[in-house]
C-alpha atoms as a PDB file:
ATOM      1  CA  MET A   1      95.012 100.891  67.281  1.00  0.00           C
ATOM      2  CA  ASP A   2      97.450 102.981  65.343  1.00  0.00           C
ATOM      3  CA  TYR A   3      99.086 105.753  67.145  1.00  0.00           C
ATOM      4  CA  TYR A   4      96.180 108.746  67.292  1.00  0.00           C
ATOM      5  CA  GLU A   5      93.722 106.049  68.698  1.00  0.00           C
ATOM      6  CA  ILE A   6      96.435 104.975  71.312  1.00  0.00           C
ATOM      7  CA  PHE A   7      96.486 108.572  72.407  1.00  0.00           C
ATOM      8  CA  ILE A   8      92.869 108.772  73.093  1.00  0.00           C
ATOM      9  CA  SER A   9      92.305 106.727  75.171  1.00  0.00           C
ATOM     10  CA  ILE A  10      95.211 107.344  77.540  1.00  0.00           C
ATOM     11  CA  LEU A  11      93.591 110.812  77.394  1.00  0.00           C
ATOM     12  CA  ALA A  12      90.111 109.592  78.412  1.00  0.00           C
ATOM     13  CA  SER A  13      91.795 107.103  80.584  1.00  0.00           C
ATOM     14  CA  THR A  14      93.719 110.441  82.044  1.00  0.00           C
ATOM     15  CA  ILE A  15      89.938 112.346  81.968  1.00  0.00           C
ATOM     16  CA  ARG A  16      88.953 110.120  84.699  1.00  0.00           C
ATOM     17  CA  LEU A  17      91.303 108.892  86.635  1.00  0.00           C
ATOM     18  CA  SER A  18      91.918 112.751  87.487  1.00  0.00           C
ATOM     19  CA  ILE A  19      87.885 113.543  89.044  1.00  0.00           C
ATOM     20  CA  PRO A  20      88.924 112.385  91.831  1.00  0.00           C
ATOM     21  CA  LEU A  21      92.360 113.881  92.358  1.00  0.00           C
ATOM     22  CA  ILE A  22      90.575 117.506  91.445  1.00  0.00           C
ATOM     23  CA  PHE A  23      88.095 117.513  93.803  1.00  0.00           C
ATOM     24  CA  THR A  24      90.275 116.226  96.815  1.00  0.00           C
ATOM     25  CA  ALA A  25      92.924 118.229  96.053  1.00  0.00           C
ATOM     26  CA  LEU A  26      90.573 121.602  96.394  1.00  0.00           C
ATOM     27  CA  ALA A  27      89.346 120.453  99.438  1.00  0.00           C
ATOM     28  CA  GLY A  28      92.764 120.574 100.815  1.00  0.00           C
ATOM     29  CA  LEU A  29      93.592 123.744  99.456  1.00  0.00           C
ATOM     30  CA  PHE A  30      90.768 124.688 101.305  1.00  0.00           C
ATOM     31  CA  SER A  31      91.578 123.184 104.714  1.00  0.00           C
ATOM     32  CA  GLU A  32      95.345 123.943 104.118  1.00  0.00           C
ATOM     33  CA  ARG A  33      95.064 127.872 102.561  1.00  0.00           C
ATOM     34  CA  ALA A  34      93.364 128.239 106.313  1.00  0.00           C
ATOM     35  CA  GLY A  35      95.783 126.918 108.126  1.00  0.00           C
ATOM     36  CA  ILE A  36      94.266 123.192 108.800  1.00  0.00           C
ATOM     37  CA  PHE A  37      96.131 120.697 107.696  1.00  0.00           C
ATOM     38  CA  ASP A  38      94.572 117.762 106.237  1.00  0.00           C
ATOM     39  CA  ILE A  39      96.366 114.388 106.046  1.00  0.00           C
ATOM     40  CA  GLY A  40      92.197 112.757 106.813  1.00  0.00           C
ATOM     41  CA  LEU A  41      91.776 113.884 102.966  1.00  0.00           C
ATOM     42  CA  GLU A  42      91.921 109.694 102.386  1.00  0.00           C
ATOM     43  CA  GLY A  43      89.521 108.463 105.167  1.00  0.00           C
ATOM     44  CA  LYS A  44      87.860 111.184 104.302  1.00  0.00           C
ATOM     45  CA  MET A  45      87.413 110.419 100.668  1.00  0.00           C
ATOM     46  CA  LEU A  46      86.895 106.455 101.230  1.00  0.00           C
ATOM     47  CA  GLY A  47      84.084 107.107 103.652  1.00  0.00           C
ATOM     48  CA  SER A  48      82.296 108.933 101.358  1.00  0.00           C
ATOM     49  CA  ALA A  49      82.640 106.231  99.260  1.00  0.00           C
ATOM     50  CA  PHE A  50      81.400 103.176 101.621  1.00  0.00           C
ATOM     51  CA  ALA A  51      78.079 105.742 102.660  1.00  0.00           C
ATOM     52  CA  ALA A  52      77.828 106.790  98.665  1.00  0.00           C
ATOM     53  CA  ALA A  53      77.473 103.370  98.061  1.00  0.00           C
ATOM     54  CA  CYS A  54      75.134 101.968 100.888  1.00  0.00           C
ATOM     55  CA  ILE A  55      72.321 104.687 100.414  1.00  0.00           C
ATOM     56  CA  ALA A  56      72.923 103.933  96.367  1.00  0.00           C
ATOM     57  CA  TYR A  57      72.517 100.955  96.675  1.00  0.00           C
ATOM     58  CA  LEU A  58      69.371 100.944  99.290  1.00  0.00           C
ATOM     59  CA  THR A  59      68.018 104.169  97.323  1.00  0.00           C
ATOM     60  CA  ASP A  60      68.191 103.118  93.414  1.00  0.00           C
ATOM     61  CA  SER A  61      68.917 106.703  93.307  1.00  0.00           C
ATOM     62  CA  ALA A  62      72.573 108.492  92.556  1.00  0.00           C
ATOM     63  CA  TRP A  63      71.491 111.989  94.283  1.00  0.00           C
ATOM     64  CA  LEU A  64      70.802 110.897  97.602  1.00  0.00           C
ATOM     65  CA  GLY A  65      74.276 108.344  97.413  1.00  0.00           C
ATOM     66  CA  LEU A  66      76.064 111.506  96.605  1.00  0.00           C
ATOM     67  CA  GLY A  67      74.691 113.493  99.549  1.00  0.00           C
ATOM     68  CA  ALA A  68      74.865 111.344 101.764  1.00  0.00           C
ATOM     69  CA  GLY A  69      79.072 110.897 101.031  1.00  0.00           C
ATOM     70  CA  ILE A  70      79.099 114.555 101.333  1.00  0.00           C
ATOM     71  CA  VAL A  71      77.638 114.331 104.698  1.00  0.00           C
ATOM     72  CA  CYS A  72      79.402 111.552 105.542  1.00  0.00           C
ATOM     73  CA  SER A  73      82.998 113.927 104.528  1.00  0.00           C
ATOM     74  CA  VAL A  74      81.455 116.476 106.285  1.00  0.00           C
ATOM     75  CA  ALA A  75      81.094 114.797 109.921  1.00  0.00           C
ATOM     76  CA  LEU A  76      84.235 113.368 109.318  1.00  0.00           C
ATOM     77  CA  SER A  77      85.861 116.602 108.760  1.00  0.00           C
ATOM     78  CA  LEU A  78      84.199 118.630 111.336  1.00  0.00           C
ATOM     79  CA  VAL A  79      85.533 115.842 114.018  1.00  0.00           C
ATOM     80  CA  HIS A  80      89.140 116.458 112.245  1.00  0.00           C
ATOM     81  CA  GLY A  81      88.345 120.309 113.323  1.00  0.00           C
ATOM     82  CA  PHE A  82      86.969 119.504 116.667  1.00  0.00           C
ATOM     83  CA  ALA A  83      89.674 117.930 117.168  1.00  0.00           C
ATOM     84  CA  SER A  84      92.748 120.147 115.843  1.00  0.00           C
ATOM     85  CA  ILE A  85      90.896 123.623 116.105  1.00  0.00           C
ATOM     86  CA  THR A  86      88.633 123.463 119.492  1.00  0.00           C
ATOM     87  CA  ASN A  87      90.592 121.381 120.944  1.00  0.00           C
ATOM     88  CA  ARG A  88      93.840 122.683 119.371  1.00  0.00           C
ATOM     89  CA  GLY A  89      95.112 119.026 118.960  1.00  0.00           C
ATOM     90  CA  ASN A  90      97.958 117.712 116.000  1.00  0.00           C
ATOM     91  CA  GLN A  91      96.260 118.647 112.659  1.00  0.00           C
ATOM     92  CA  ILE A  92      98.763 115.104 111.336  1.00  0.00           C
ATOM     93  CA  VAL A  93      97.849 112.968 114.115  1.00  0.00           C
ATOM     94  CA  SER A  94      93.812 114.026 113.582  1.00  0.00           C
ATOM     95  CA  GLY A  95      94.412 113.311 110.527  1.00  0.00           C
ATOM     96  CA  VAL A  96      95.415 109.768 110.896  1.00  0.00           C
ATOM     97  CA  ALA A  97      93.075 108.729 112.572  1.00  0.00           C
ATOM     98  CA  ILE A  98      90.564 109.395 110.635  1.00  0.00           C
ATOM     99  CA  ASN A  99      92.662 107.642 107.789  1.00  0.00           C
ATOM    100  CA  PHE A 100      93.270 104.365 109.952  1.00  0.00           C
ATOM    101  CA  PHE A 101      89.843 104.223 110.996  1.00  0.00           C
ATOM    102  CA  ILE A 102      87.899 104.757 108.556  1.00  0.00           C
ATOM    103  CA  ALA A 103      90.058 101.697 106.732  1.00  0.00           C
ATOM    104  CA  GLY A 104      88.700  99.211 109.442  1.00  0.00           C
ATOM    105  CA  ILE A 105      85.403 100.602 110.044  1.00  0.00           C
ATOM    106  CA  THR A 106      84.333 100.475 106.187  1.00  0.00           C
ATOM    107  CA  ILE A 107      85.081  97.118 106.606  1.00  0.00           C
ATOM    108  CA  VAL A 108      84.013  96.324 109.269  1.00  0.00           C
ATOM    109  CA  LEU A 109      80.059  97.985 108.750  1.00  0.00           C
ATOM    110  CA  GLY A 110      80.311  96.433 104.730  1.00  0.00           C
ATOM    111  CA  GLN A 111      80.887  92.308 106.601  1.00  0.00           C
ATOM    112  CA  ALA A 112      78.121  93.440 108.474  1.00  0.00           C
ATOM    113  CA  TRP A 113      75.674  94.724 106.788  1.00  0.00           C
ATOM    114  CA  PHE A 114      76.423  92.995 102.964  1.00  0.00           C
ATOM    115  CA  GLY A 115      78.584  89.551 103.736  1.00  0.00           C
ATOM    116  CA  GLN A 116      80.658  90.523 100.894  1.00  0.00           C
ATOM    117  CA  GLY A 117      83.406  90.623 102.525  1.00  0.00           C
ATOM    118  CA  GLY A 118      83.900  94.541 102.953  1.00  0.00           C
ATOM    119  CA  ARG A 119      82.142  95.153 100.287  1.00  0.00           C
ATOM    120  CA  THR A 120      78.542  96.409  98.825  1.00  0.00           C
ATOM    121  CA  PRO A 121      76.279  94.930  95.727  1.00  0.00           C
ATOM    122  CA  GLN A 122      76.761  95.505  93.222  1.00  0.00           C
ATOM    123  CA  LEU A 123      74.712  98.568  91.577  1.00  0.00           C
ATOM    124  CA  SER A 124      71.976  99.660  89.428  1.00  0.00           C
ATOM    125  CA  PRO A 125      72.161 101.585  86.334  1.00  0.00           C
ATOM    126  CA  GLU A 126      69.723 103.810  87.855  1.00  0.00           C
ATOM    127  CA  ALA A 127      71.735 103.933  90.961  1.00  0.00           C
ATOM    128  CA  ARG A 128      75.502 105.147  89.118  1.00  0.00           C
ATOM    129  CA  PHE A 129      75.389 108.413  86.923  1.00  0.00           C
ATOM    130  CA  ALA A 130      75.388 107.597  83.628  1.00  0.00           C
ATOM    131  CA  PRO A 131      77.788 108.643  81.264  1.00  0.00           C
ATOM    132  CA  ILE A 132      76.061 112.234  79.293  1.00  0.00           C
ATOM    133  CA  ILE A 133      76.435 112.398  75.383  1.00  0.00           C
ATOM    134  CA  LEU A 134      77.233 115.897  74.401  1.00  0.00           C
ATOM    135  CA  PRO A 135      75.165 117.160  71.140  1.00  0.00           C
ATOM    136  CA  GLY A 136      76.291 116.254  68.315  1.00  0.00           C
ATOM    137  CA  ALA A 137      79.330 113.210  68.875  1.00  0.00           C
ATOM    138  CA  ASP A 138      78.461 111.014  67.570  1.00  0.00           C
ATOM    139  CA  ALA A 139      78.487 112.341  64.144  1.00  0.00           C
ATOM    140  CA  ALA A 140      81.957 113.988  64.664  1.00  0.00           C
ATOM    141  CA  HIS A 141      83.580 110.976  65.045  1.00  0.00           C
ATOM    142  CA  ASP A 142      84.470 111.306  61.106  1.00  0.00           C
ATOM    143  CA  ILE A 143      85.032 114.505  61.752  1.00  0.00           C
ATOM    144  CA  PRO A 144      89.797 114.176  61.714  1.00  0.00           C
ATOM    145  CA  ILE A 145      91.394 115.046  64.707  1.00  0.00           C
ATOM    146  CA  ILE A 146      89.006 116.887  66.773  1.00  0.00           C
ATOM    147  CA  GLY A 147      86.367 114.860  65.766  1.00  0.00           C
ATOM    148  CA  PRO A 148      87.826 112.273  67.791  1.00  0.00           C
ATOM    149  CA  ILE A 149      88.879 114.270  71.220  1.00  0.00           C
ATOM    150  CA  TYR A 150      85.580 115.734  71.273  1.00  0.00           C
ATOM    151  CA  ALA A 151      83.361 112.309  70.846  1.00  0.00           C
ATOM    152  CA  ASN A 152      85.016 109.784  73.362  1.00  0.00           C
ATOM    153  CA  VAL A 153      87.179 112.612  75.635  1.00  0.00           C
ATOM    154  CA  ILE A 154      84.867 115.482  76.138  1.00  0.00           C
ATOM    155  CA  SER A 155      81.738 113.998  75.647  1.00  0.00           C
ATOM    156  CA  GLY A 156      80.686 110.892  77.667  1.00  0.00           C
ATOM    157  CA  ASN A 157      82.075 111.881  80.679  1.00  0.00           C
ATOM    158  CA  ASN A 158      79.027 112.551  84.097  1.00  0.00           C
ATOM    159  CA  ILE A 159      78.157 114.538  85.508  1.00  0.00           C
ATOM    160  CA  LEU A 160      80.563 114.589  88.105  1.00  0.00           C
ATOM    161  CA  THR A 161      83.781 115.041  85.535  1.00  0.00           C
ATOM    162  CA  TYR A 162      82.144 117.898  84.865  1.00  0.00           C
ATOM    163  CA  LEU A 163      81.539 119.452  88.230  1.00  0.00           C
ATOM    164  CA  ALA A 164      84.979 118.641  89.089  1.00  0.00           C
ATOM    165  CA  PHE A 165      86.070 121.412  86.376  1.00  0.00           C
ATOM    166  CA  LEU A 166      83.479 123.030  86.717  1.00  0.00           C
ATOM    167  CA  ALA A 167      84.974 123.718  90.179  1.00  0.00           C
ATOM    168  CA  VAL A 168      88.358 125.222  89.608  1.00  0.00           C
ATOM    169  CA  PRO A 169      87.217 128.300  88.491  1.00  0.00           C
ATOM    170  CA  PHE A 170      84.841 128.474  91.166  1.00  0.00           C
ATOM    171  CA  SER A 171      87.197 128.160  93.579  1.00  0.00           C
ATOM    172  CA  TRP A 172      90.120 130.072  92.458  1.00  0.00           C
ATOM    173  CA  TRP A 173      86.302 132.779  92.452  1.00  0.00           C
ATOM    174  CA  VAL A 174      86.645 132.038  96.107  1.00  0.00           C
ATOM    175  CA  LEU A 175      89.572 132.005  97.207  1.00  0.00           C
ATOM    176  CA  TYR A 176      90.599 135.298  95.199  1.00  0.00           C
ATOM    177  CA  ARG A 177      87.673 137.619  94.859  1.00  0.00           C
ATOM    178  CA  THR A 178      85.430 136.766  98.205  1.00  0.00           C
ATOM    179  CA  ARG A 179      85.315 138.523 101.246  1.00  0.00           C
ATOM    180  CA  PHE A 180      85.382 134.730 102.515  1.00  0.00           C
ATOM    181  CA  GLY A 181      88.560 133.468 100.477  1.00  0.00           C
ATOM    182  CA  LEU A 182      90.184 136.473 100.793  1.00  0.00           C
ATOM    183  CA  ARG A 183      89.711 136.288 105.197  1.00  0.00           C
ATOM    184  CA  MET A 184      91.028 132.447 104.894  1.00  0.00           C
ATOM    185  CA  ARG A 185      93.451 133.082 102.898  1.00  0.00           C
ATOM    186  CA  ALA A 186      94.513 135.489 105.362  1.00  0.00           C
ATOM    187  CA  VAL A 187      93.665 133.261 108.808  1.00  0.00           C
ATOM    188  CA  GLY A 188      96.186 130.946 107.158  1.00  0.00           C
ATOM    189  CA  GLU A 189      99.008 133.529 106.857  1.00  0.00           C
ATOM    190  CA  ASN A 190      98.962 135.177 109.960  1.00  0.00           C
ATOM    191  CA  PRO A 191      95.167 134.690 112.279  1.00  0.00           C
ATOM    192  CA  GLY A 192      96.426 137.018 115.337  1.00  0.00           C
ATOM    193  CA  ALA A 193      96.032 139.832 112.838  1.00  0.00           C
ATOM    194  CA  VAL A 194      92.104 138.524 111.713  1.00  0.00           C
ATOM    195  CA  ASP A 195      91.048 137.840 115.104  1.00  0.00           C
ATOM    196  CA  THR A 196      92.673 141.394 115.705  1.00  0.00           C
ATOM    197  CA  ALA A 197      89.749 142.224 112.810  1.00  0.00           C
ATOM    198  CA  GLY A 198      86.499 141.204 115.085  1.00  0.00           C
ATOM    199  CA  ILE A 199      86.876 137.820 113.377  1.00  0.00           C
ATOM    200  CA  SER A 200      86.524 134.427 114.668  1.00  0.00           C
ATOM    201  CA  VAL A 201      89.663 132.826 113.408  1.00  0.00           C
ATOM    202  CA  ALA A 202      87.811 129.411 114.819  1.00  0.00           C
ATOM    203  CA  TRP A 203      84.731 129.572 112.569  1.00  0.00           C
ATOM    204  CA  LEU A 204      86.340 130.651 109.360  1.00  0.00           C
ATOM    205  CA  ARG A 205      88.429 127.203 109.865  1.00  0.00           C
ATOM    206  CA  TYR A 206      85.451 124.998 110.552  1.00  0.00           C
ATOM    207  CA  ARG A 207      84.132 126.866 107.525  1.00  0.00           C
ATOM    208  CA  ALA A 208      87.085 126.186 105.749  1.00  0.00           C
ATOM    209  CA  VAL A 209      87.196 122.130 106.507  1.00  0.00           C
ATOM    210  CA  MET A 210      83.563 122.344 105.720  1.00  0.00           C
ATOM    211  CA  CYS A 211      84.327 122.716 102.820  1.00  0.00           C
ATOM    212  CA  ALA A 212      86.823 120.171 101.987  1.00  0.00           C
ATOM    213  CA  GLY A 213      84.109 118.101 104.013  1.00  0.00           C
ATOM    214  CA  ILE A 214      81.999 118.517 100.538  1.00  0.00           C
ATOM    215  CA  LEU A 215      84.702 118.070  97.803  1.00  0.00           C
ATOM    216  CA  CYS A 216      85.973 115.314  99.607  1.00  0.00           C
ATOM    217  CA  GLY A 217      82.250 114.132  99.052  1.00  0.00           C
ATOM    218  CA  PHE A 218      81.844 114.241  95.697  1.00  0.00           C
ATOM    219  CA  SER A 219      85.660 112.523  95.092  1.00  0.00           C
ATOM    220  CA  GLY A 220      83.911 109.399  96.659  1.00  0.00           C
ATOM    221  CA  THR A 221      80.853 109.527  95.640  1.00  0.00           C
ATOM    222  CA  TYR A 222      82.913 109.474  91.387  1.00  0.00           C
ATOM    223  CA  LEU A 223      85.190 106.500  93.194  1.00  0.00           C
ATOM    224  CA  ALA A 224      82.063 104.502  94.351  1.00  0.00           C
ATOM    225  CA  ILE A 225      78.905 104.926  91.897  1.00  0.00           C
ATOM    226  CA  ALA A 226      80.080 106.655  88.993  1.00  0.00           C
ATOM    227  CA  GLN A 227      83.707 105.320  88.294  1.00  0.00           C
ATOM    228  CA  SER A 228      82.879 101.923  90.210  1.00  0.00           C
ATOM    229  CA  ALA A 229      79.552 100.570  90.794  1.00  0.00           C
ATOM    230  CA  ALA A 230      79.819  99.465  93.698  1.00  0.00           C
ATOM    231  CA  PHE A 231      82.333 100.717  96.859  1.00  0.00           C
ATOM    232  CA  ILE A 232      85.268  97.720  97.267  1.00  0.00           C
ATOM    233  CA  LYS A 233      87.702  97.704 100.203  1.00  0.00           C
ATOM    234  CA  ASP A 234      90.832  99.742 100.703  1.00  0.00           C
ATOM    235  CA  MET A 235      89.189 101.569  97.153  1.00  0.00           C
ATOM    236  CA  SER A 236      91.129 104.634  97.854  1.00  0.00           C
ATOM    237  CA  ALA A 237      94.559 103.437  97.204  1.00  0.00           C
ATOM    238  CA  GLY A 238      96.298 105.773  98.185  1.00  0.00           C
ATOM    239  CA  LYS A 239      94.463 108.902  95.909  1.00  0.00           C
ATOM    240  CA  GLY A 240      94.475 111.391  98.505  1.00  0.00           C
ATOM    241  CA  TYR A 241      97.518 111.699  99.888  1.00  0.00           C
ATOM    242  CA  ILE A 242      98.240 111.544  95.610  1.00  0.00           C
ATOM    243  CA  ALA A 243      95.807 115.097  96.222  1.00  0.00           C
ATOM    244  CA  LEU A 244      98.497 116.350  98.855  1.00  0.00           C
ATOM    245  CA  ALA A 245     101.735 115.462  96.593  1.00  0.00           C
ATOM    246  CA  ALA A 246     100.111 117.101  93.593  1.00  0.00           C
ATOM    247  CA  LEU A 247      98.344 120.072  96.104  1.00  0.00           C
ATOM    248  CA  VAL A 248     102.178 120.945  97.394  1.00  0.00           C
ATOM    249  CA  PHE A 249     102.822 120.398  93.593  1.00  0.00           C
ATOM    250  CA  ALA A 250     100.515 122.977  92.358  1.00  0.00           C
ATOM    251  CA  LYS A 251     102.057 125.331  95.302  1.00  0.00           C
ATOM    252  CA  TRP A 252      98.856 126.008  97.035  1.00  0.00           C
ATOM    253  CA  LYS A 253      97.048 127.532  94.584  1.00  0.00           C
ATOM    254  CA  PRO A 254      93.647 126.970  92.349  1.00  0.00           C
ATOM    255  CA  VAL A 255      94.423 126.784  88.537  1.00  0.00           C
ATOM    256  CA  PRO A 256      98.097 124.657  88.738  1.00  0.00           C
ATOM    257  CA  VAL A 257      96.526 121.620  91.110  1.00  0.00           C
ATOM    258  CA  MET A 258      94.127 121.162  87.621  1.00  0.00           C
ATOM    259  CA  PHE A 259      96.704 120.343  85.723  1.00  0.00           C
ATOM    260  CA  ALA A 260      99.066 118.643  88.467  1.00  0.00           C
ATOM    261  CA  CYS A 261      96.302 116.490  88.997  1.00  0.00           C
ATOM    262  CA  LEU A 262      95.724 115.903  85.675  1.00  0.00           C
ATOM    263  CA  LEU A 263      99.634 115.194  85.541  1.00  0.00           C
ATOM    264  CA  PHE A 264      99.164 112.643  87.960  1.00  0.00           C
ATOM    265  CA  GLY A 265      96.691 111.702  86.308  1.00  0.00           C
ATOM    266  CA  PHE A 266      98.318 110.819  82.983  1.00  0.00           C
ATOM    267  CA  LEU A 267     100.746 108.778  85.153  1.00  0.00           C
ATOM    268  CA  ASP A 268      98.761 106.990  86.305  1.00  0.00           C
ATOM    269  CA  ALA A 269      96.896 105.975  82.549  1.00  0.00           C
ATOM    270  CA  LEU A 270     100.363 105.662  81.369  1.00  0.00           C
ATOM    271  CA  ALA A 271     101.442 103.185  83.594  1.00  0.00           C
ATOM    272  CA  ASN A 272      98.037 101.209  83.318  1.00  0.00           C
ATOM    273  CA  PHE A 273      98.360 101.324  79.415  1.00  0.00           C
ATOM    274  CA  MET A 274     101.959 100.428  79.640  1.00  0.00           C
ATOM    275  CA  GLN A 275     101.876  97.099  81.490  1.00  0.00           C
ATOM    276  CA  GLY A 276     103.113  94.092  80.048  1.00  0.00           C
ATOM    277  CA  LYS A 277     104.658  96.967  77.261  1.00  0.00           C
ATOM    278  CA  GLN A 278     107.457  96.092  75.853  1.00  0.00           C
ATOM    279  CA  VAL A 279     110.147  99.216  75.692  1.00  0.00           C
ATOM    280  CA  PRO A 280     112.828  99.435  72.997  1.00  0.00           C
ATOM    281  CA  LEU A 281     116.125  98.961  74.476  1.00  0.00           C
ATOM    282  CA  ILE A 282     114.232  98.594  78.773  1.00  0.00           C
ATOM    283  CA  GLY A 283     111.936  95.200  77.685  1.00  0.00           C
ATOM    284  CA  GLU A 284     109.370  95.729  79.782  1.00  0.00           C
ATOM    285  CA  VAL A 285     108.959  99.221  82.587  1.00  0.00           C
ATOM    286  CA  PRO A 286     107.577  97.649  85.816  1.00  0.00           C
ATOM    287  CA  VAL A 287     104.271  99.434  86.873  1.00  0.00           C
ATOM    288  CA  GLN A 288     105.466 100.595  90.183  1.00  0.00           C
ATOM    289  CA  VAL A 289     108.229 103.371  87.873  1.00  0.00           C
ATOM    290  CA  PHE A 290     105.636 105.224  86.823  1.00  0.00           C
ATOM    291  CA  GLN A 291     103.045 105.338  90.049  1.00  0.00           C
ATOM    292  CA  ALA A 292     106.313 106.630  91.794  1.00  0.00           C
ATOM    293  CA  LEU A 293     106.339 109.526  89.797  1.00  0.00           C
ATOM    294  CA  PRO A 294     104.035 111.867  91.594  1.00  0.00           C
ATOM    295  CA  TYR A 295     105.932 111.443  94.194  1.00  0.00           C
ATOM    296  CA  ILE A 296     109.334 111.754  92.537  1.00  0.00           C
ATOM    297  CA  LEU A 297     108.298 115.313  90.838  1.00  0.00           C
ATOM    298  CA  THR A 298     106.578 116.045  94.436  1.00  0.00           C
ATOM    299  CA  CYS A 299     110.367 115.721  96.562  1.00  0.00           C
ATOM    300  CA  VAL A 300     112.189 116.851  93.648  1.00  0.00           C
ATOM    301  CA  LEU A 301     109.354 120.309  93.747  1.00  0.00           C
ATOM    302  CA  LEU A 302     110.298 120.310  97.755  1.00  0.00           C
ATOM    303  CA  ALA A 303     114.404 119.895  96.926  1.00  0.00           C
ATOM    304  CA  GLY A 304     113.831 123.131  95.291  1.00  0.00           C
ATOM    305  CA  PHE A 305     114.460 122.238  91.530  1.00  0.00           C
ATOM    306  CA  ILE A 306     111.918 123.473  89.960  1.00  0.00           C
ATOM    307  CA  GLY A 307     110.792 126.925  92.396  1.00  0.00           C
ATOM    308  CA  VAL A 308     109.826 126.988  96.050  1.00  0.00           C
ATOM    309  CA  ALA A 309     107.136 124.948  97.148  1.00  0.00           C
ATOM    310  CA  ILE A 310     106.983 127.592 100.629  1.00  0.00           C
ATOM    311  CA  PRO A 311     102.763 127.119 102.320  1.00  0.00           C
ATOM    312  CA  PRO A 312     101.016 129.219 104.662  1.00  0.00           C
ATOM    313  CA  LYS A 313     102.416 130.382 107.439  1.00  0.00           C
ATOM    314  CA  ALA A 314      99.616 129.318 110.078  1.00  0.00           C
ATOM    315  CA  GLY A 315      99.805 125.938 108.929  1.00  0.00           C
ATOM    316  CA  GLY A 316      99.642 123.307 110.936  1.00  0.00           C
ATOM    317  CA  VAL A 317      99.668 125.418 114.651  1.00  0.00           C
ATOM    318  CA  PRO A 318      97.262 125.619 116.660  1.00  0.00           C
ATOM    319  CA  TYR A 319      96.160 129.281 116.990  1.00  0.00           C
ATOM    320  CA  THR A 320      95.903 130.188 121.243  1.00  0.00           C
ATOM    321  CA  LYS A 321      94.355 134.151 121.518  1.00  0.00           C
ATOM    322  CA  GLU A 322      96.226 135.972 123.167  1.00  0.00           C
ATOM    323  CA  ARG A 323      94.974 137.586 126.300  1.00  0.00           C
END
């Protein structure tokens, strides 16, 4: 395998590993732009993966699995909203509680329903999102340089992969070109001013966390019935936290969020490729070094070495209407 083939292989792996990060980071973007910190992204991703795998297995339909994943994630988002918006509870505690609850309940239900140690049975091809071969992909193999990129990186992905990249400009349009986006950003910066204008702060924030739930539903579904062929316990493997790191790294902006997720996906793909490989003058580099880089880069950003990441001013603060 020559160097260009290695590059194509790592690039294709980067795309696949970045998709759940993109969906989840965009979910956090909607929630946190409205002033609701969402540590529960990890739990919502894991819960939607479990729901999607169960329904896809029972119905042999990937689309019904996607619907179940979205419903489960939105339900968890509403629980988070009820705790942090309606009852003005601590948003961090609510999110962490969702993470712990889902991490346990998915194993218990998986064992009770399927008896396979907390995982679901293997899905049939009809219950998964199949790769889409774009026109001319087979013929493009022989074209130098750009041919392998089109045939192996752009083509051959499932529909959720393309939806993830379409979700980025759509999120930008919603945030910056719609009345809902303007009000949502305003409620994350100054909810008192929004309330004074006669707009319900609570309803705006509920809509934002529901948008986050929908996107997390796509993320979990991708993990269970697109990237994999079953639910495996703890299969989110901290991706919700990595998505939060990407969100901070991208300074809460949709397009930079995509590039941050691609960077973190590349580091993950590189870690997989470097397992057991020898680096000249260094030797074998532990995989954990590459896995820690996303968090190191985020800490460097927060320390102010590559700019300052300023979160929404009202983020994490329950809003109490003045009388």
